[in-house]
N, C-alpha and C. Protein backbone atom coordinates (compact mmCIF):
# COMPACT_ATOMS: atom_id res chain seq x y z
N UNK A 1 -7.77 3.94 -17.16
CA UNK A 1 -6.94 2.80 -16.92
C UNK A 1 -7.49 2.07 -15.71
N UNK A 2 -7.47 0.76 -15.75
CA UNK A 2 -7.89 -0.07 -14.63
C UNK A 2 -6.68 -0.90 -14.18
N UNK A 3 -6.44 -0.88 -12.88
CA UNK A 3 -5.35 -1.67 -12.30
C UNK A 3 -5.96 -2.63 -11.30
N UNK A 4 -5.63 -3.89 -11.42
CA UNK A 4 -6.05 -4.91 -10.47
C UNK A 4 -4.79 -5.45 -9.81
N UNK A 5 -4.69 -5.32 -8.48
CA UNK A 5 -3.46 -5.78 -7.83
C UNK A 5 -3.71 -6.26 -6.41
N UNK A 6 -2.82 -7.11 -5.97
CA UNK A 6 -2.72 -7.49 -4.56
C UNK A 6 -1.38 -7.01 -4.01
N UNK A 7 -0.66 -6.26 -4.81
CA UNK A 7 0.70 -5.84 -4.47
C UNK A 7 0.71 -4.55 -3.66
N UNK A 8 1.29 -4.62 -2.47
CA UNK A 8 1.42 -3.40 -1.68
C UNK A 8 2.42 -2.44 -2.33
N UNK A 9 3.35 -2.96 -3.13
CA UNK A 9 4.31 -2.09 -3.83
C UNK A 9 3.61 -1.23 -4.88
N UNK A 10 2.69 -1.82 -5.62
CA UNK A 10 1.94 -1.06 -6.63
C UNK A 10 1.08 0.00 -5.95
N UNK A 11 0.42 -0.37 -4.87
CA UNK A 11 -0.42 0.57 -4.13
C UNK A 11 0.42 1.70 -3.54
N UNK A 12 1.56 1.35 -2.96
CA UNK A 12 2.43 2.38 -2.39
C UNK A 12 2.92 3.36 -3.46
N UNK A 13 3.29 2.85 -4.61
CA UNK A 13 3.78 3.74 -5.67
C UNK A 13 2.65 4.63 -6.19
N UNK A 14 1.46 4.09 -6.34
CA UNK A 14 0.33 4.92 -6.75
C UNK A 14 0.08 6.01 -5.70
N UNK A 15 0.16 5.63 -4.43
CA UNK A 15 0.01 6.63 -3.36
C UNK A 15 1.12 7.69 -3.43
N UNK A 16 2.34 7.28 -3.74
CA UNK A 16 3.43 8.25 -3.92
C UNK A 16 3.09 9.23 -5.04
N UNK A 17 2.58 8.72 -6.14
CA UNK A 17 2.23 9.59 -7.27
C UNK A 17 1.11 10.55 -6.91
N UNK A 18 0.19 10.10 -6.07
CA UNK A 18 -0.89 10.98 -5.60
C UNK A 18 -0.30 12.05 -4.68
N UNK A 19 0.57 11.66 -3.76
CA UNK A 19 1.17 12.64 -2.84
C UNK A 19 2.03 13.66 -3.59
N UNK A 20 2.63 13.25 -4.71
CA UNK A 20 3.44 14.18 -5.51
C UNK A 20 2.62 15.36 -6.02
N UNK A 21 1.32 15.19 -6.16
CA UNK A 21 0.49 16.28 -6.67
C UNK A 21 0.21 17.35 -5.62
N UNK A 22 0.68 17.11 -4.38
CA UNK A 22 0.50 18.09 -3.30
C UNK A 22 1.25 19.37 -3.64
N UNK A 23 0.59 20.50 -3.41
CA UNK A 23 1.16 21.82 -3.76
C UNK A 23 2.52 22.05 -3.10
N UNK A 24 2.65 21.68 -1.84
CA UNK A 24 3.92 21.89 -1.12
C UNK A 24 5.06 21.12 -1.77
N UNK A 25 4.80 19.91 -2.17
CA UNK A 25 5.84 19.08 -2.81
C UNK A 25 6.21 19.65 -4.17
N UNK A 26 5.22 20.13 -4.90
CA UNK A 26 5.50 20.75 -6.21
C UNK A 26 6.31 22.03 -6.04
N UNK A 27 5.97 22.82 -5.02
CA UNK A 27 6.62 24.11 -4.81
C UNK A 27 8.09 23.96 -4.44
N UNK A 28 8.41 23.05 -3.52
CA UNK A 28 9.81 22.94 -3.09
C UNK A 28 10.64 22.01 -3.97
N UNK A 29 10.02 21.43 -4.99
CA UNK A 29 10.70 20.60 -5.99
C UNK A 29 11.41 19.39 -5.40
N UNK A 30 10.98 18.96 -4.22
CA UNK A 30 11.56 17.77 -3.58
C UNK A 30 11.41 16.54 -4.47
N UNK A 31 10.37 16.53 -5.29
CA UNK A 31 10.12 15.37 -6.15
C UNK A 31 11.30 15.08 -7.07
N UNK A 32 12.02 16.10 -7.47
CA UNK A 32 13.18 15.89 -8.34
C UNK A 32 14.27 15.10 -7.62
N UNK A 33 14.49 15.43 -6.34
CA UNK A 33 15.46 14.69 -5.53
C UNK A 33 15.08 13.22 -5.41
N UNK A 34 13.77 12.97 -5.39
CA UNK A 34 13.27 11.59 -5.24
C UNK A 34 13.20 10.84 -6.57
N UNK A 35 13.58 11.51 -7.65
CA UNK A 35 13.65 10.84 -8.95
C UNK A 35 12.37 10.87 -9.76
N UNK A 36 11.44 11.77 -9.44
CA UNK A 36 10.18 11.88 -10.18
C UNK A 36 10.19 13.11 -11.08
N UNK A 37 9.30 13.08 -12.07
CA UNK A 37 9.10 14.22 -12.97
C UNK A 37 7.69 14.74 -12.79
N UNK A 38 7.48 16.01 -13.13
CA UNK A 38 6.17 16.63 -12.94
C UNK A 38 5.05 15.91 -13.69
N UNK A 39 5.35 15.31 -14.82
CA UNK A 39 4.29 14.65 -15.58
C UNK A 39 3.88 13.30 -14.98
N UNK A 40 4.49 12.92 -13.86
CA UNK A 40 4.13 11.66 -13.20
C UNK A 40 3.14 11.86 -12.05
N UNK A 41 2.81 13.10 -11.74
CA UNK A 41 1.88 13.38 -10.65
C UNK A 41 0.49 12.85 -10.99
N UNK A 42 -0.21 12.35 -9.96
CA UNK A 42 -1.58 11.88 -10.13
C UNK A 42 -2.45 12.62 -9.12
N UNK A 43 -3.44 13.33 -9.61
CA UNK A 43 -4.35 14.06 -8.73
C UNK A 43 -5.33 13.07 -8.10
N UNK A 44 -5.51 13.17 -6.78
CA UNK A 44 -6.39 12.22 -6.07
C UNK A 44 -7.82 12.26 -6.61
N UNK A 45 -8.23 13.41 -7.15
CA UNK A 45 -9.60 13.51 -7.69
C UNK A 45 -9.76 12.74 -9.00
N UNK A 46 -8.66 12.30 -9.58
CA UNK A 46 -8.70 11.55 -10.84
C UNK A 46 -8.62 10.04 -10.63
N UNK A 47 -8.64 9.62 -9.37
CA UNK A 47 -8.49 8.20 -9.05
C UNK A 47 -9.70 7.73 -8.26
N UNK A 48 -10.17 6.55 -8.58
CA UNK A 48 -11.21 5.90 -7.81
C UNK A 48 -10.72 4.50 -7.49
N UNK A 49 -10.94 4.07 -6.27
CA UNK A 49 -10.44 2.77 -5.84
C UNK A 49 -11.58 1.94 -5.25
N UNK A 50 -11.60 0.67 -5.61
CA UNK A 50 -12.63 -0.25 -5.12
C UNK A 50 -11.98 -1.53 -4.60
N UNK A 51 -12.61 -2.12 -3.60
CA UNK A 51 -12.21 -3.43 -3.09
C UNK A 51 -13.28 -4.42 -3.51
N UNK A 52 -12.85 -5.48 -4.18
CA UNK A 52 -13.75 -6.55 -4.61
C UNK A 52 -13.49 -7.76 -3.72
N UNK A 53 -14.50 -8.18 -2.99
CA UNK A 53 -14.37 -9.32 -2.08
C UNK A 53 -15.34 -10.42 -2.47
N UNK A 54 -14.79 -11.60 -2.69
CA UNK A 54 -15.64 -12.77 -2.89
C UNK A 54 -16.13 -13.22 -1.53
N UNK A 55 -17.37 -13.68 -1.48
CA UNK A 55 -17.95 -14.15 -0.21
C UNK A 55 -17.13 -15.33 0.33
N UNK A 56 -16.73 -16.23 -0.57
CA UNK A 56 -15.83 -17.33 -0.23
C UNK A 56 -15.14 -17.78 -1.52
N UNK A 57 -14.24 -18.73 -1.43
CA UNK A 57 -13.41 -19.11 -2.59
C UNK A 57 -14.22 -19.67 -3.75
N UNK A 58 -15.33 -20.34 -3.49
CA UNK A 58 -16.11 -20.94 -4.56
C UNK A 58 -17.31 -20.09 -4.99
N UNK A 59 -17.49 -18.97 -4.34
CA UNK A 59 -18.65 -18.12 -4.61
C UNK A 59 -18.44 -17.22 -5.80
N UNK A 60 -19.53 -16.96 -6.51
CA UNK A 60 -19.50 -15.97 -7.59
C UNK A 60 -20.08 -14.64 -7.10
N UNK A 61 -20.53 -14.62 -5.86
CA UNK A 61 -21.04 -13.38 -5.27
C UNK A 61 -19.89 -12.51 -4.80
N UNK A 62 -19.91 -11.27 -5.22
CA UNK A 62 -18.83 -10.35 -4.88
C UNK A 62 -19.42 -9.11 -4.22
N UNK A 63 -18.78 -8.69 -3.13
CA UNK A 63 -19.15 -7.40 -2.57
C UNK A 63 -18.13 -6.37 -3.08
N UNK A 64 -18.62 -5.21 -3.41
CA UNK A 64 -17.77 -4.15 -3.93
C UNK A 64 -17.86 -2.96 -3.00
N UNK A 65 -16.70 -2.51 -2.53
CA UNK A 65 -16.64 -1.40 -1.57
C UNK A 65 -15.70 -0.32 -2.11
N UNK A 66 -16.19 0.90 -2.15
CA UNK A 66 -15.35 2.01 -2.59
C UNK A 66 -14.38 2.37 -1.46
N UNK A 67 -13.12 2.58 -1.82
CA UNK A 67 -12.09 2.93 -0.84
C UNK A 67 -11.85 4.44 -0.94
N UNK A 68 -11.99 5.16 0.18
CA UNK A 68 -11.77 6.61 0.13
C UNK A 68 -10.33 6.96 -0.25
N UNK A 69 -10.18 8.04 -0.98
CA UNK A 69 -8.86 8.53 -1.41
C UNK A 69 -8.73 9.98 -0.97
N UNK A 70 -7.56 10.32 -0.43
CA UNK A 70 -7.29 11.70 -0.06
C UNK A 70 -5.92 12.10 -0.59
N UNK A 71 -5.36 13.19 -0.09
CA UNK A 71 -4.08 13.67 -0.61
C UNK A 71 -2.91 12.74 -0.31
N UNK A 72 -3.13 11.75 0.57
CA UNK A 72 -2.11 10.77 0.90
C UNK A 72 -2.29 9.46 0.13
N UNK A 73 -3.35 9.38 -0.67
CA UNK A 73 -3.63 8.15 -1.41
C UNK A 73 -4.76 7.39 -0.75
N UNK A 74 -4.62 6.08 -0.69
CA UNK A 74 -5.67 5.24 -0.12
C UNK A 74 -5.06 4.05 0.60
N UNK A 75 -5.81 3.50 1.53
CA UNK A 75 -5.38 2.33 2.30
C UNK A 75 -6.25 1.14 1.93
N UNK A 76 -5.62 0.02 1.71
CA UNK A 76 -6.33 -1.23 1.50
C UNK A 76 -6.10 -2.05 2.76
N UNK A 77 -7.10 -2.01 3.64
CA UNK A 77 -6.96 -2.56 4.98
C UNK A 77 -6.53 -4.03 4.97
N UNK A 78 -7.09 -4.84 4.11
CA UNK A 78 -6.75 -6.27 4.11
C UNK A 78 -5.28 -6.49 3.73
N UNK A 79 -4.78 -5.70 2.79
CA UNK A 79 -3.36 -5.82 2.42
C UNK A 79 -2.49 -5.29 3.55
N UNK A 80 -2.85 -4.16 4.13
CA UNK A 80 -2.08 -3.59 5.23
C UNK A 80 -1.99 -4.58 6.39
N UNK A 81 -3.11 -5.22 6.73
CA UNK A 81 -3.13 -6.17 7.84
C UNK A 81 -2.22 -7.37 7.54
N UNK A 82 -2.28 -7.87 6.32
CA UNK A 82 -1.45 -9.01 5.94
C UNK A 82 0.03 -8.64 6.00
N UNK A 83 0.39 -7.46 5.50
CA UNK A 83 1.78 -7.01 5.55
C UNK A 83 2.24 -6.87 7.01
N UNK A 84 1.40 -6.30 7.86
CA UNK A 84 1.75 -6.16 9.28
C UNK A 84 1.99 -7.53 9.92
N UNK A 85 1.12 -8.49 9.64
CA UNK A 85 1.28 -9.84 10.19
C UNK A 85 2.58 -10.48 9.70
N UNK A 86 2.85 -10.36 8.41
CA UNK A 86 4.08 -10.94 7.86
C UNK A 86 5.33 -10.27 8.44
N UNK A 87 5.28 -8.95 8.59
CA UNK A 87 6.42 -8.24 9.19
C UNK A 87 6.65 -8.69 10.63
N UNK A 88 5.58 -8.88 11.39
CA UNK A 88 5.71 -9.35 12.77
C UNK A 88 6.30 -10.75 12.82
N UNK A 89 5.84 -11.63 11.95
CA UNK A 89 6.37 -13.00 11.90
C UNK A 89 7.84 -12.99 11.52
N UNK A 90 8.20 -12.20 10.52
CA UNK A 90 9.60 -12.10 10.08
C UNK A 90 10.48 -11.61 11.22
N UNK A 91 10.02 -10.59 11.93
CA UNK A 91 10.80 -10.05 13.05
C UNK A 91 10.98 -11.08 14.15
N UNK A 92 9.90 -11.79 14.47
CA UNK A 92 9.99 -12.80 15.52
C UNK A 92 10.96 -13.92 15.13
N UNK A 93 10.88 -14.39 13.89
CA UNK A 93 11.79 -15.44 13.42
C UNK A 93 13.23 -14.95 13.42
N UNK A 94 13.45 -13.73 12.98
CA UNK A 94 14.79 -13.15 12.96
C UNK A 94 15.41 -13.17 14.35
N UNK A 95 14.65 -12.69 15.34
CA UNK A 95 15.19 -12.62 16.70
C UNK A 95 15.36 -14.00 17.33
N UNK A 96 14.52 -14.95 16.95
CA UNK A 96 14.70 -16.32 17.46
C UNK A 96 16.00 -16.92 16.93
N UNK A 97 16.34 -16.61 15.69
CA UNK A 97 17.59 -17.11 15.11
C UNK A 97 18.79 -16.33 15.66
N UNK A 98 18.67 -15.03 15.70
CA UNK A 98 19.77 -14.16 16.13
C UNK A 98 20.10 -14.35 17.62
N UNK A 99 19.06 -14.50 18.43
CA UNK A 99 19.24 -14.64 19.89
C UNK A 99 18.50 -15.88 20.38
N UNK A 100 19.06 -17.06 20.07
CA UNK A 100 18.34 -18.29 20.44
C UNK A 100 18.21 -18.45 21.96
N UNK A 101 17.10 -19.07 22.33
CA UNK A 101 16.85 -19.37 23.74
C UNK A 101 17.59 -20.64 24.06
N UNK A 102 18.45 -20.58 25.06
CA UNK A 102 19.26 -21.75 25.42
C UNK A 102 18.54 -22.57 26.48
N UNK A 103 18.48 -23.88 26.23
CA UNK A 103 17.90 -24.77 27.23
C UNK A 103 18.92 -25.00 28.34
N UNK A 104 18.45 -25.00 29.56
CA UNK A 104 19.32 -25.17 30.72
C UNK A 104 19.25 -26.59 31.28
N UNK A 105 19.18 -27.61 30.41
CA UNK A 105 19.05 -29.00 30.85
C UNK A 105 20.33 -29.55 31.35
């Protein structure tokens, strides 16, 4: 199966499925509490992840980089950075609205 995504939700869920294959999680059956079944586990050795980057928006040249996978899944740095930036912006806007700075004119 091939999955192409920019969604951090899809990546997070795939990482959850990879972490479910951990022996400790299988042994203590915590996965059942979390709403998963044993047949949903994904072994990290059965997954390969690649990042495809276009040189620029009009380019047909693509760089392909393999993303390492371990028992915790994999990180897509560009998506993680974007999510962090958006979360910081959201937090700053929230606090500006919640606690407005009053002008002392």
